[in-house]
Amino acid sequence: MTGYGQGCVELPGLKVTAELRSVNNRYTDLRFRLPPEVASIEPELRRRVLGRVRRGRVDIAIKSEMLEDQGAAPRANLNRNLTRELLQAGQVLQEEFGLSGTLDIGAVLSTPGILKSEAAMIGPDDAAWQAVHRALEEALEALDLDRRREGGRLGEQILDRVSAMQGLAGRA
């Protein structure tokens, strides 16, 4: 069945939204779009969705948004290991491959994952972890309701067609 479901949970300083879109498919096919701070819990999210959805292609999008109206602003931390690896890769490119040029601070800072927000990282003991699960559960409930509604409409259409065929068969 096709369907849509959305769940949203707000905590102090954080808003988590889960959106599910499903289309008909003979098999179960789950596709996730997750922010980096949630990616580590994808297997758990997958288990929860598979516990409720048996068929169809389901696109699952989780969004987390830091809210600024709370006193402490999230701090950005430098990913030192990634920075070292990036600089070493630059050296290898120069020494082994004879490429010229330099890495400037703008290039380094624009590398995905170089800066991590302390407040954005979600761990199993965090309230944010629970917020993701609650938002997903709300979205699954809404998706289930939407799919049942569509199934009911399809059932009515099928019964109307059966009735029409019975009328035609009776006249024949």
N, C-alpha and C. Protein backbone atom coordinates (compact mmCIF):
# COMPACT_ATOMS: atom_id res chain seq x y z
N MET A 1 0.83 -1.19 0.00
CA MET A 1 0.00 0.00 0.00
C MET A 1 0.88 1.25 0.00
N THR A 2 0.41 2.27 -0.63
CA THR A 2 1.11 3.54 -0.54
C THR A 2 0.65 4.24 0.72
N GLY A 3 1.49 5.08 1.25
CA GLY A 3 1.11 5.79 2.45
C GLY A 3 2.19 6.75 2.87
N TYR A 4 1.83 7.58 3.85
CA TYR A 4 2.74 8.58 4.38
C TYR A 4 2.51 8.67 5.88
N GLY A 5 3.57 8.83 6.62
CA GLY A 5 3.46 9.04 8.06
C GLY A 5 4.56 9.95 8.54
N GLN A 6 4.24 10.78 9.50
CA GLN A 6 5.23 11.70 10.05
C GLN A 6 5.10 11.72 11.56
N GLY A 7 6.22 11.80 12.23
CA GLY A 7 6.26 11.95 13.68
C GLY A 7 7.27 13.01 14.04
N CYS A 8 6.96 13.79 15.07
CA CYS A 8 7.84 14.88 15.47
C CYS A 8 7.90 14.92 16.99
N VAL A 9 9.11 14.99 17.52
CA VAL A 9 9.31 15.08 18.97
C VAL A 9 10.27 16.24 19.23
N GLU A 10 9.88 17.10 20.16
CA GLU A 10 10.75 18.22 20.54
C GLU A 10 11.21 18.04 21.97
N LEU A 11 12.50 18.26 22.16
CA LEU A 11 13.13 18.27 23.47
C LEU A 11 13.75 19.65 23.65
N PRO A 12 14.15 20.00 24.84
CA PRO A 12 14.86 21.27 25.00
C PRO A 12 16.11 21.29 24.12
N GLY A 13 16.13 22.18 23.17
CA GLY A 13 17.28 22.33 22.29
C GLY A 13 17.33 21.42 21.08
N LEU A 14 16.36 20.52 20.90
CA LEU A 14 16.41 19.56 19.80
C LEU A 14 15.01 19.25 19.29
N LYS A 15 14.89 19.17 17.97
CA LYS A 15 13.66 18.74 17.33
C LYS A 15 14.00 17.58 16.40
N VAL A 16 13.29 16.46 16.57
CA VAL A 16 13.52 15.28 15.73
C VAL A 16 12.26 15.00 14.94
N THR A 17 12.41 14.85 13.63
CA THR A 17 11.28 14.55 12.75
C THR A 17 11.57 13.26 11.99
N ALA A 18 10.58 12.38 11.94
CA ALA A 18 10.69 11.14 11.15
C ALA A 18 9.58 11.18 10.10
N GLU A 19 9.95 10.93 8.84
CA GLU A 19 8.98 10.86 7.75
C GLU A 19 9.12 9.52 7.05
N LEU A 20 7.98 8.87 6.82
CA LEU A 20 7.95 7.59 6.12
C LEU A 20 7.05 7.72 4.90
N ARG A 21 7.53 7.26 3.77
CA ARG A 21 6.73 7.22 2.54
C ARG A 21 6.82 5.80 2.01
N SER A 22 5.65 5.22 1.71
CA SER A 22 5.68 3.86 1.19
C SER A 22 4.94 3.80 -0.14
N VAL A 23 5.43 2.93 -1.00
CA VAL A 23 4.77 2.64 -2.27
C VAL A 23 4.68 1.13 -2.40
N ASN A 24 3.77 0.70 -3.25
CA ASN A 24 3.56 -0.74 -3.44
C ASN A 24 4.83 -1.39 -3.96
N ASN A 25 5.09 -2.56 -3.44
CA ASN A 25 6.21 -3.37 -3.91
C ASN A 25 5.94 -4.78 -3.41
N ARG A 26 6.34 -5.73 -4.20
CA ARG A 26 6.11 -7.13 -3.84
C ARG A 26 6.91 -7.53 -2.61
N TYR A 27 8.07 -6.91 -2.45
CA TYR A 27 8.97 -7.24 -1.34
C TYR A 27 9.08 -6.04 -0.40
N THR A 28 9.81 -6.22 0.67
CA THR A 28 10.07 -5.12 1.59
C THR A 28 11.43 -4.52 1.25
N ASP A 29 11.43 -3.23 0.99
CA ASP A 29 12.64 -2.52 0.61
C ASP A 29 12.69 -1.23 1.42
N LEU A 30 13.62 -1.15 2.38
CA LEU A 30 13.74 0.03 3.22
C LEU A 30 14.91 0.87 2.76
N ARG A 31 14.67 2.17 2.64
CA ARG A 31 15.73 3.10 2.24
C ARG A 31 15.78 4.24 3.25
N PHE A 32 16.95 4.42 3.84
CA PHE A 32 17.12 5.40 4.91
C PHE A 32 17.86 6.64 4.43
N ARG A 33 17.43 7.78 4.93
CA ARG A 33 18.17 9.04 4.81
C ARG A 33 18.32 9.56 6.24
N LEU A 34 19.54 9.43 6.77
CA LEU A 34 19.78 9.75 8.17
C LEU A 34 20.88 10.78 8.31
N PRO A 35 20.77 11.67 9.27
CA PRO A 35 21.88 12.57 9.55
C PRO A 35 23.01 11.78 10.21
N PRO A 36 24.23 12.26 10.12
CA PRO A 36 25.37 11.51 10.67
C PRO A 36 25.21 11.14 12.15
N GLU A 37 24.58 12.00 12.94
CA GLU A 37 24.47 11.72 14.37
C GLU A 37 23.50 10.59 14.68
N VAL A 38 22.71 10.16 13.69
CA VAL A 38 21.74 9.09 13.89
C VAL A 38 22.15 7.81 13.15
N ALA A 39 23.12 7.92 12.26
CA ALA A 39 23.49 6.79 11.39
C ALA A 39 23.85 5.53 12.17
N SER A 40 24.41 5.68 13.35
CA SER A 40 24.84 4.50 14.12
C SER A 40 23.67 3.65 14.60
N ILE A 41 22.46 4.22 14.65
CA ILE A 41 21.32 3.44 15.14
C ILE A 41 20.43 2.94 14.00
N GLU A 42 20.95 2.98 12.76
CA GLU A 42 20.15 2.49 11.63
C GLU A 42 19.69 1.05 11.82
N PRO A 43 20.54 0.12 12.28
CA PRO A 43 20.05 -1.26 12.45
C PRO A 43 18.84 -1.35 13.40
N GLU A 44 18.88 -0.57 14.47
CA GLU A 44 17.76 -0.56 15.42
C GLU A 44 16.50 0.02 14.75
N LEU A 45 16.66 1.09 13.98
CA LEU A 45 15.52 1.69 13.28
C LEU A 45 14.96 0.70 12.25
N ARG A 46 15.86 0.00 11.58
CA ARG A 46 15.44 -1.00 10.58
C ARG A 46 14.59 -2.09 11.24
N ARG A 47 15.04 -2.57 12.40
CA ARG A 47 14.27 -3.60 13.12
C ARG A 47 12.88 -3.09 13.49
N ARG A 48 12.80 -1.86 13.94
CA ARG A 48 11.50 -1.31 14.33
C ARG A 48 10.55 -1.18 13.14
N VAL A 49 11.08 -0.73 12.01
CA VAL A 49 10.23 -0.59 10.82
C VAL A 49 9.80 -1.96 10.33
N LEU A 50 10.72 -2.92 10.29
CA LEU A 50 10.37 -4.27 9.82
C LEU A 50 9.39 -4.96 10.75
N GLY A 51 9.33 -4.54 12.00
CA GLY A 51 8.35 -5.09 12.92
C GLY A 51 6.93 -4.65 12.59
N ARG A 52 6.81 -3.59 11.79
CA ARG A 52 5.48 -3.05 11.48
C ARG A 52 5.13 -3.12 10.00
N VAL A 53 6.13 -3.17 9.13
CA VAL A 53 5.89 -3.13 7.68
C VAL A 53 6.33 -4.45 7.08
N ARG A 54 5.42 -5.10 6.39
CA ARG A 54 5.73 -6.41 5.80
C ARG A 54 6.06 -6.34 4.31
N ARG A 55 5.47 -5.39 3.61
CA ARG A 55 5.69 -5.27 2.17
C ARG A 55 5.77 -3.81 1.78
N GLY A 56 6.40 -3.57 0.63
CA GLY A 56 6.45 -2.24 0.08
C GLY A 56 7.83 -1.62 0.19
N ARG A 57 8.02 -0.62 -0.63
CA ARG A 57 9.26 0.16 -0.54
C ARG A 57 8.96 1.32 0.39
N VAL A 58 9.77 1.47 1.42
CA VAL A 58 9.56 2.52 2.41
C VAL A 58 10.81 3.40 2.46
N ASP A 59 10.60 4.68 2.23
CA ASP A 59 11.66 5.67 2.39
C ASP A 59 11.53 6.26 3.78
N ILE A 60 12.61 6.18 4.54
CA ILE A 60 12.61 6.65 5.92
C ILE A 60 13.60 7.81 6.02
N ALA A 61 13.10 8.97 6.40
CA ALA A 61 13.96 10.14 6.57
C ALA A 61 13.86 10.61 8.01
N ILE A 62 15.00 10.71 8.66
CA ILE A 62 15.06 11.24 10.02
C ILE A 62 15.82 12.55 9.94
N LYS A 63 15.26 13.58 10.54
CA LYS A 63 15.93 14.89 10.57
C LYS A 63 16.06 15.32 12.02
N SER A 64 17.23 15.82 12.38
CA SER A 64 17.40 16.39 13.71
C SER A 64 17.83 17.84 13.53
N GLU A 65 17.22 18.67 14.33
CA GLU A 65 17.47 20.11 14.20
C GLU A 65 17.76 20.67 15.59
N MET A 66 18.90 21.32 15.71
CA MET A 66 19.24 21.96 16.97
C MET A 66 18.44 23.25 17.09
N LEU A 67 17.77 23.42 18.21
CA LEU A 67 16.99 24.63 18.45
C LEU A 67 17.86 25.61 19.23
N GLU A 68 17.87 26.85 18.79
CA GLU A 68 18.77 27.83 19.38
C GLU A 68 18.19 28.60 20.55
N ASP A 69 16.92 28.39 20.85
CA ASP A 69 16.32 29.20 21.90
C ASP A 69 16.71 28.72 23.30
N GLN A 70 17.51 27.69 23.41
CA GLN A 70 17.96 27.20 24.71
C GLN A 70 19.31 27.83 25.02
N GLY A 71 19.57 28.12 26.27
CA GLY A 71 20.75 28.85 26.72
C GLY A 71 22.07 28.49 26.07
N ALA A 72 22.51 27.26 26.19
CA ALA A 72 23.83 26.89 25.72
C ALA A 72 23.80 26.52 24.25
N ALA A 73 24.66 27.17 23.50
CA ALA A 73 24.77 26.86 22.07
C ALA A 73 25.66 25.63 21.90
N PRO A 74 25.38 24.78 20.91
CA PRO A 74 26.23 23.62 20.69
C PRO A 74 27.63 24.05 20.25
N ARG A 75 28.63 23.33 20.73
CA ARG A 75 30.00 23.64 20.38
C ARG A 75 30.46 22.74 19.25
N ALA A 76 31.24 23.32 18.36
CA ALA A 76 31.81 22.55 17.26
C ALA A 76 33.17 22.02 17.69
N ASN A 77 33.39 20.74 17.52
CA ASN A 77 34.67 20.11 17.85
C ASN A 77 35.38 19.70 16.58
N LEU A 78 36.67 19.92 16.55
CA LEU A 78 37.48 19.53 15.41
C LEU A 78 37.75 18.03 15.47
N ASN A 79 37.50 17.35 14.37
CA ASN A 79 37.80 15.93 14.26
C ASN A 79 39.29 15.83 13.91
N ARG A 80 40.11 15.71 14.92
CA ARG A 80 41.57 15.76 14.75
C ARG A 80 42.09 14.59 13.93
N ASN A 81 41.53 13.41 14.13
CA ASN A 81 41.99 12.25 13.36
C ASN A 81 41.74 12.44 11.87
N LEU A 82 40.57 12.91 11.52
CA LEU A 82 40.25 13.14 10.11
C LEU A 82 41.13 14.25 9.54
N THR A 83 41.40 15.28 10.33
CA THR A 83 42.27 16.37 9.88
C THR A 83 43.66 15.84 9.58
N ARG A 84 44.22 15.01 10.48
CA ARG A 84 45.54 14.42 10.24
C ARG A 84 45.55 13.58 8.96
N GLU A 85 44.52 12.75 8.79
CA GLU A 85 44.44 11.90 7.60
C GLU A 85 44.35 12.74 6.33
N LEU A 86 43.60 13.81 6.38
CA LEU A 86 43.45 14.70 5.23
C LEU A 86 44.79 15.33 4.87
N LEU A 87 45.52 15.81 5.87
CA LEU A 87 46.82 16.44 5.62
C LEU A 87 47.83 15.41 5.11
N GLN A 88 47.79 14.19 5.65
CA GLN A 88 48.68 13.13 5.17
C GLN A 88 48.36 12.77 3.72
N ALA A 89 47.07 12.74 3.39
CA ALA A 89 46.68 12.44 2.01
C ALA A 89 47.20 13.53 1.08
N GLY A 90 47.17 14.76 1.52
CA GLY A 90 47.72 15.86 0.72
C GLY A 90 49.20 15.67 0.46
N GLN A 91 49.94 15.24 1.49
CA GLN A 91 51.37 14.98 1.35
C GLN A 91 51.62 13.86 0.36
N VAL A 92 50.84 12.79 0.45
CA VAL A 92 50.99 11.65 -0.46
C VAL A 92 50.75 12.11 -1.89
N LEU A 93 49.74 12.92 -2.10
CA LEU A 93 49.45 13.43 -3.45
C LEU A 93 50.63 14.22 -4.00
N GLN A 94 51.30 15.00 -3.15
CA GLN A 94 52.44 15.79 -3.59
C GLN A 94 53.67 14.91 -3.85
N GLU A 95 53.98 14.04 -2.88
CA GLU A 95 55.21 13.26 -2.96
C GLU A 95 55.12 12.11 -3.97
N GLU A 96 54.06 11.32 -3.93
CA GLU A 96 53.97 10.14 -4.78
C GLU A 96 53.47 10.45 -6.19
N PHE A 97 52.61 11.44 -6.31
CA PHE A 97 51.99 11.69 -7.60
C PHE A 97 52.44 13.00 -8.23
N GLY A 98 53.30 13.74 -7.54
CA GLY A 98 53.86 14.95 -8.10
C GLY A 98 52.85 16.07 -8.30
N LEU A 99 51.78 16.06 -7.57
CA LEU A 99 50.79 17.12 -7.71
C LEU A 99 51.23 18.34 -6.90
N SER A 100 50.91 19.51 -7.43
CA SER A 100 51.29 20.73 -6.72
C SER A 100 50.04 21.37 -6.10
N GLY A 101 50.29 22.26 -5.17
CA GLY A 101 49.19 22.96 -4.51
C GLY A 101 49.25 22.73 -3.01
N THR A 102 48.42 23.48 -2.30
CA THR A 102 48.41 23.36 -0.86
C THR A 102 46.97 23.27 -0.37
N LEU A 103 46.84 22.67 0.78
CA LEU A 103 45.54 22.65 1.45
C LEU A 103 45.46 23.89 2.32
N ASP A 104 44.45 24.69 2.10
CA ASP A 104 44.28 25.85 2.97
C ASP A 104 43.18 25.56 4.00
N ILE A 105 43.04 26.44 4.94
CA ILE A 105 42.10 26.22 6.03
C ILE A 105 40.66 26.10 5.52
N GLY A 106 40.33 26.84 4.46
CA GLY A 106 38.97 26.76 3.89
C GLY A 106 38.68 25.38 3.33
N ALA A 107 39.67 24.80 2.65
CA ALA A 107 39.48 23.46 2.08
C ALA A 107 39.35 22.42 3.19
N VAL A 108 40.16 22.56 4.23
CA VAL A 108 40.11 21.61 5.33
C VAL A 108 38.76 21.70 6.05
N LEU A 109 38.32 22.92 6.37
CA LEU A 109 37.06 23.09 7.10
C LEU A 109 35.84 22.70 6.28
N SER A 110 35.96 22.72 4.96
CA SER A 110 34.81 22.35 4.12
C SER A 110 34.69 20.84 3.93
N THR A 111 35.65 20.08 4.44
CA THR A 111 35.61 18.63 4.34
C THR A 111 34.51 18.08 5.25
N PRO A 112 33.59 17.29 4.71
CA PRO A 112 32.51 16.73 5.56
C PRO A 112 33.08 15.94 6.73
N GLY A 113 32.56 16.19 7.91
CA GLY A 113 32.96 15.46 9.10
C GLY A 113 34.11 16.07 9.87
N ILE A 114 34.73 17.14 9.34
CA ILE A 114 35.85 17.78 10.03
C ILE A 114 35.38 18.41 11.34
N LEU A 115 34.21 19.03 11.31
CA LEU A 115 33.65 19.62 12.52
C LEU A 115 32.46 18.79 12.97
N LYS A 116 32.44 18.47 14.27
CA LYS A 116 31.33 17.72 14.84
C LYS A 116 30.70 18.57 15.92
N SER A 117 29.40 18.60 15.94
CA SER A 117 28.69 19.33 16.99
C SER A 117 28.52 18.41 18.18
N GLU A 118 29.00 18.85 19.33
CA GLU A 118 28.90 18.04 20.54
C GLU A 118 27.45 17.68 20.85
N ALA A 119 26.58 18.68 20.78
CA ALA A 119 25.19 18.46 21.17
C ALA A 119 24.44 17.62 20.16
N ALA A 120 24.94 17.53 18.94
CA ALA A 120 24.21 16.83 17.89
C ALA A 120 24.42 15.32 17.94
N MET A 121 25.49 14.85 18.58
CA MET A 121 25.76 13.43 18.59
C MET A 121 24.75 12.72 19.50
N ILE A 122 24.15 11.66 18.98
CA ILE A 122 23.11 10.94 19.73
C ILE A 122 23.66 9.60 20.17
N GLY A 123 23.62 9.35 21.46
CA GLY A 123 24.09 8.08 22.01
C GLY A 123 22.95 7.34 22.68
N PRO A 124 23.13 6.08 23.00
CA PRO A 124 22.05 5.25 23.52
C PRO A 124 21.50 5.72 24.88
N ASP A 125 22.25 6.49 25.62
CA ASP A 125 21.78 6.96 26.92
C ASP A 125 21.14 8.34 26.85
N ASP A 126 21.13 8.93 25.68
CA ASP A 126 20.60 10.28 25.52
C ASP A 126 19.08 10.29 25.41
N ALA A 127 18.52 11.40 25.85
CA ALA A 127 17.09 11.63 25.63
C ALA A 127 16.86 11.78 24.13
N ALA A 128 17.85 12.26 23.39
CA ALA A 128 17.72 12.41 21.94
C ALA A 128 17.51 11.05 21.27
N TRP A 129 18.18 10.02 21.78
CA TRP A 129 18.02 8.66 21.26
C TRP A 129 16.56 8.24 21.38
N GLN A 130 15.99 8.48 22.55
CA GLN A 130 14.59 8.14 22.78
C GLN A 130 13.66 8.99 21.91
N ALA A 131 14.04 10.24 21.67
CA ALA A 131 13.23 11.12 20.82
C ALA A 131 13.16 10.59 19.40
N VAL A 132 14.27 10.07 18.90
CA VAL A 132 14.29 9.50 17.55
C VAL A 132 13.33 8.31 17.49
N HIS A 133 13.38 7.45 18.50
CA HIS A 133 12.50 6.29 18.52
C HIS A 133 11.04 6.68 18.65
N ARG A 134 10.75 7.68 19.46
CA ARG A 134 9.36 8.13 19.60
C ARG A 134 8.85 8.76 18.30
N ALA A 135 9.70 9.56 17.65
CA ALA A 135 9.31 10.17 16.38
C ALA A 135 9.06 9.09 15.33
N LEU A 136 9.92 8.07 15.29
CA LEU A 136 9.72 6.97 14.34
C LEU A 136 8.44 6.22 14.65
N GLU A 137 8.16 5.99 15.93
CA GLU A 137 6.94 5.28 16.31
C GLU A 137 5.70 6.07 15.90
N GLU A 138 5.72 7.38 16.09
CA GLU A 138 4.60 8.23 15.65
C GLU A 138 4.41 8.13 14.15
N ALA A 139 5.53 8.18 13.41
CA ALA A 139 5.46 8.10 11.95
C ALA A 139 4.94 6.74 11.51
N LEU A 140 5.35 5.67 12.19
CA LEU A 140 4.85 4.33 11.84
C LEU A 140 3.35 4.22 12.10
N GLU A 141 2.88 4.80 13.20
CA GLU A 141 1.43 4.80 13.49
C GLU A 141 0.67 5.53 12.38
N ALA A 142 1.17 6.71 12.00
CA ALA A 142 0.51 7.49 10.95
C ALA A 142 0.55 6.77 9.61
N LEU A 143 1.68 6.12 9.30
CA LEU A 143 1.80 5.36 8.05
C LEU A 143 0.81 4.20 8.05
N ASP A 144 0.73 3.48 9.15
CA ASP A 144 -0.20 2.35 9.26
C ASP A 144 -1.63 2.82 9.05
N LEU A 145 -2.00 3.92 9.67
CA LEU A 145 -3.35 4.47 9.52
C LEU A 145 -3.62 4.85 8.06
N ASP A 146 -2.64 5.50 7.43
CA ASP A 146 -2.80 5.91 6.03
C ASP A 146 -2.93 4.70 5.11
N ARG A 147 -2.13 3.68 5.35
CA ARG A 147 -2.20 2.47 4.52
C ARG A 147 -3.52 1.73 4.72
N ARG A 148 -4.02 1.70 5.96
CA ARG A 148 -5.32 1.07 6.22
C ARG A 148 -6.44 1.84 5.52
N ARG A 149 -6.35 3.15 5.54
CA ARG A 149 -7.36 3.97 4.86
C ARG A 149 -7.35 3.67 3.36
N GLU A 150 -6.16 3.59 2.78
CA GLU A 150 -6.09 3.27 1.35
C GLU A 150 -6.60 1.87 1.08
N GLY A 151 -6.26 0.92 1.94
CA GLY A 151 -6.75 -0.45 1.78
C GLY A 151 -8.26 -0.51 1.83
N GLY A 152 -8.86 0.27 2.72
CA GLY A 152 -10.32 0.33 2.80
C GLY A 152 -10.94 0.87 1.52
N ARG A 153 -10.34 1.92 0.96
CA ARG A 153 -10.85 2.47 -0.31
C ARG A 153 -10.70 1.46 -1.44
N LEU A 154 -9.57 0.78 -1.48
CA LEU A 154 -9.37 -0.24 -2.52
C LEU A 154 -10.37 -1.38 -2.36
N GLY A 155 -10.63 -1.78 -1.10
CA GLY A 155 -11.61 -2.84 -0.85
C GLY A 155 -12.99 -2.45 -1.35
N GLU A 156 -13.39 -1.20 -1.12
CA GLU A 156 -14.69 -0.71 -1.61
C GLU A 156 -14.75 -0.76 -3.13
N GLN A 157 -13.67 -0.33 -3.78
CA GLN A 157 -13.64 -0.34 -5.24
C GLN A 157 -13.73 -1.77 -5.78
N ILE A 158 -13.05 -2.69 -5.12
CA ILE A 158 -13.09 -4.09 -5.56
C ILE A 158 -14.51 -4.64 -5.42
N LEU A 159 -15.14 -4.36 -4.28
CA LEU A 159 -16.52 -4.84 -4.07
C LEU A 159 -17.48 -4.22 -5.07
N ASP A 160 -17.30 -2.95 -5.41
CA ASP A 160 -18.14 -2.31 -6.43
C ASP A 160 -17.97 -3.00 -7.78
N ARG A 161 -16.74 -3.34 -8.12
CA ARG A 161 -16.49 -4.00 -9.40
C ARG A 161 -17.04 -5.42 -9.42
N VAL A 162 -16.92 -6.13 -8.30
CA VAL A 162 -17.48 -7.48 -8.21
C VAL A 162 -19.00 -7.41 -8.39
N SER A 163 -19.61 -6.44 -7.74
CA SER A 163 -21.07 -6.27 -7.85
C SER A 163 -21.46 -5.97 -9.29
N ALA A 164 -20.70 -5.10 -9.95
CA ALA A 164 -20.99 -4.77 -11.34
C ALA A 164 -20.82 -6.01 -12.23
N MET A 165 -19.77 -6.81 -11.96
CA MET A 165 -19.57 -8.03 -12.75
C MET A 165 -20.70 -9.03 -12.51
N GLN A 166 -21.18 -9.14 -11.28
CA GLN A 166 -22.27 -10.05 -10.99
C GLN A 166 -23.54 -9.59 -11.73
N GLY A 167 -23.75 -8.28 -11.79
CA GLY A 167 -24.90 -7.76 -12.54
C GLY A 167 -24.78 -8.10 -14.00
N LEU A 168 -23.60 -7.92 -14.57
CA LEU A 168 -23.38 -8.24 -15.97
C LEU A 168 -23.54 -9.74 -16.23
N ALA A 169 -23.03 -10.56 -15.31
CA ALA A 169 -23.16 -12.02 -15.45
C ALA A 169 -24.62 -12.42 -15.37
N GLY A 170 -25.38 -11.79 -14.49
CA GLY A 170 -26.82 -12.11 -14.37
C GLY A 170 -27.58 -11.75 -15.63
N ARG A 171 -27.24 -10.62 -16.25
CA ARG A 171 -27.91 -10.22 -17.49
C ARG A 171 -27.50 -11.13 -18.65
N ALA A 172 -26.29 -11.63 -18.60
CA ALA A 172 -25.82 -12.48 -19.70
C ALA A 172 -26.51 -13.82 -19.59
